[in-house]
Amino acid sequence: VIKAAEDSALQYMNFMNVIFAAQKQNILIDACVLESDSGLLQQACDITGGLYLKVLQIPSLLQYLL
């Protein structure tokens, strides 16, 4: 998941259902956040065992992803 927008409270329950479904099927969720931190994506990564990365400088994004 690459995120460049704020978390939406309206989507919280739907996204949590996706997270728990991924956990149940042993699917890792990795997140790359471009602007502000995301508590929801941090939870998703923690619950599924994935990685959470906050990119501090957007021009460096390619280096992070390689």
C-alpha atoms as a PDB file:
ATOM      1  CA  VAL A   1       0.000   0.000   0.000  1.00  0.00           C
ATOM      2  CA  ILE A   2       1.313   3.441  -0.901  1.00  0.00           C
ATOM      3  CA  LYS A   3      -0.519   6.271   0.869  1.00  0.00           C
ATOM      4  CA  ALA A   4      -0.445   9.955  -0.009  1.00  0.00           C
ATOM      5  CA  ALA A   5      -3.670  11.158   1.652  1.00  0.00           C
ATOM      6  CA  GLU A   6      -5.085  11.437   5.160  1.00  0.00           C
ATOM      7  CA  ASP A   7      -6.891   8.534   6.856  1.00  0.00           C
ATOM      8  CA  SER A   8     -10.661   8.580   6.422  1.00  0.00           C
ATOM      9  CA  ALA A   9     -12.789   7.780   9.468  1.00  0.00           C
ATOM     10  CA  LEU A  10     -15.592   6.735   7.107  1.00  0.00           C
ATOM     11  CA  GLN A  11     -13.490   3.851   5.794  1.00  0.00           C
ATOM     12  CA  TYR A  12     -12.152   2.648   9.167  1.00  0.00           C
ATOM     13  CA  MET A  13     -14.447  -0.383   9.638  1.00  0.00           C
ATOM     14  CA  ASN A  14     -14.094  -1.513   6.023  1.00  0.00           C
ATOM     15  CA  PHE A  15     -10.321  -1.270   6.204  1.00  0.00           C
ATOM     16  CA  MET A  16     -10.176  -3.132   9.530  1.00  0.00           C
ATOM     17  CA  ASN A  17     -12.206  -5.950   7.942  1.00  0.00           C
ATOM     18  CA  VAL A  18      -9.648  -6.093   5.124  1.00  0.00           C
ATOM     19  CA  ILE A  19      -6.795  -6.201   7.658  1.00  0.00           C
ATOM     20  CA  PHE A  20      -8.318  -9.085   9.619  1.00  0.00           C
ATOM     21  CA  ALA A  21      -9.142 -10.985   6.419  1.00  0.00           C
ATOM     22  CA  ALA A  22      -5.513 -10.579   5.313  1.00  0.00           C
ATOM     23  CA  GLN A  23      -4.275 -11.778   8.707  1.00  0.00           C
ATOM     24  CA  LYS A  24      -6.555 -14.827   8.558  1.00  0.00           C
ATOM     25  CA  GLN A  25      -5.099 -15.784   5.167  1.00  0.00           C
ATOM     26  CA  ASN A  26      -1.475 -15.049   6.205  1.00  0.00           C
ATOM     27  CA  ILE A  27      -1.169 -12.096   3.820  1.00  0.00           C
ATOM     28  CA  LEU A  28       1.293  -9.392   4.861  1.00  0.00           C
ATOM     29  CA  ILE A  29       0.398  -5.745   4.386  1.00  0.00           C
ATOM     30  CA  ASP A  30       3.362  -3.443   3.739  1.00  0.00           C
ATOM     31  CA  ALA A  31       2.805   0.316   3.720  1.00  0.00           C
ATOM     32  CA  CYS A  32       4.772   3.204   2.272  1.00  0.00           C
ATOM     33  CA  VAL A  33       3.511   6.553   3.589  1.00  0.00           C
ATOM     34  CA  LEU A  34       4.439   9.722   1.690  1.00  0.00           C
ATOM     35  CA  GLU A  35       3.145  12.516   3.899  1.00  0.00           C
ATOM     36  CA  SER A  36       1.791  12.251   7.457  1.00  0.00           C
ATOM     37  CA  ASP A  37       1.853   9.068   9.523  1.00  0.00           C
ATOM     38  CA  SER A  38      -1.119   6.725   9.363  1.00  0.00           C
ATOM     39  CA  GLY A  39      -2.204   4.984  12.540  1.00  0.00           C
ATOM     40  CA  LEU A  40      -4.493   2.753  10.503  1.00  0.00           C
ATOM     41  CA  LEU A  41      -1.709   1.548   8.208  1.00  0.00           C
ATOM     42  CA  GLN A  42       0.633   1.103  11.174  1.00  0.00           C
ATOM     43  CA  GLN A  43      -2.008  -1.176  12.703  1.00  0.00           C
ATOM     44  CA  ALA A  44      -2.391  -3.065   9.431  1.00  0.00           C
ATOM     45  CA  CYS A  45       1.341  -3.699   9.245  1.00  0.00           C
ATOM     46  CA  ASP A  46       1.577  -4.711  12.905  1.00  0.00           C
ATOM     47  CA  ILE A  47      -1.407  -7.065  12.754  1.00  0.00           C
ATOM     48  CA  THR A  48      -0.286  -8.809   9.561  1.00  0.00           C
ATOM     49  CA  GLY A  49       3.472  -8.755  10.245  1.00  0.00           C
ATOM     50  CA  GLY A  50       4.208  -6.398   7.364  1.00  0.00           C
ATOM     51  CA  LEU A  51       6.561  -3.424   7.118  1.00  0.00           C
ATOM     52  CA  TYR A  52       5.679   0.240   7.671  1.00  0.00           C
ATOM     53  CA  LEU A  53       7.854   2.850   5.970  1.00  0.00           C
ATOM     54  CA  LYS A  54       7.489   6.622   6.118  1.00  0.00           C
ATOM     55  CA  VAL A  55       9.314   8.317   3.252  1.00  0.00           C
ATOM     56  CA  LEU A  56      10.799  11.564   4.526  1.00  0.00           C
ATOM     57  CA  GLN A  57      11.823  12.937   1.114  1.00  0.00           C
ATOM     58  CA  ILE A  58       9.537  12.147  -1.804  1.00  0.00           C
ATOM     59  CA  PRO A  59      12.338  12.444  -4.424  1.00  0.00           C
ATOM     60  CA  SER A  60      14.033   9.548  -2.591  1.00  0.00           C
ATOM     61  CA  LEU A  61      10.993   7.274  -3.008  1.00  0.00           C
ATOM     62  CA  LEU A  62      12.569   5.200  -5.777  1.00  0.00           C
ATOM     63  CA  GLN A  63      15.589   4.396  -3.590  1.00  0.00           C
ATOM     64  CA  TYR A  64      13.298   3.217  -0.774  1.00  0.00           C
ATOM     65  CA  LEU A  65      11.375   0.925  -3.110  1.00  0.00           C
ATOM     66  CA  LEU A  66      14.426  -0.697  -4.714  1.00  0.00           C
END
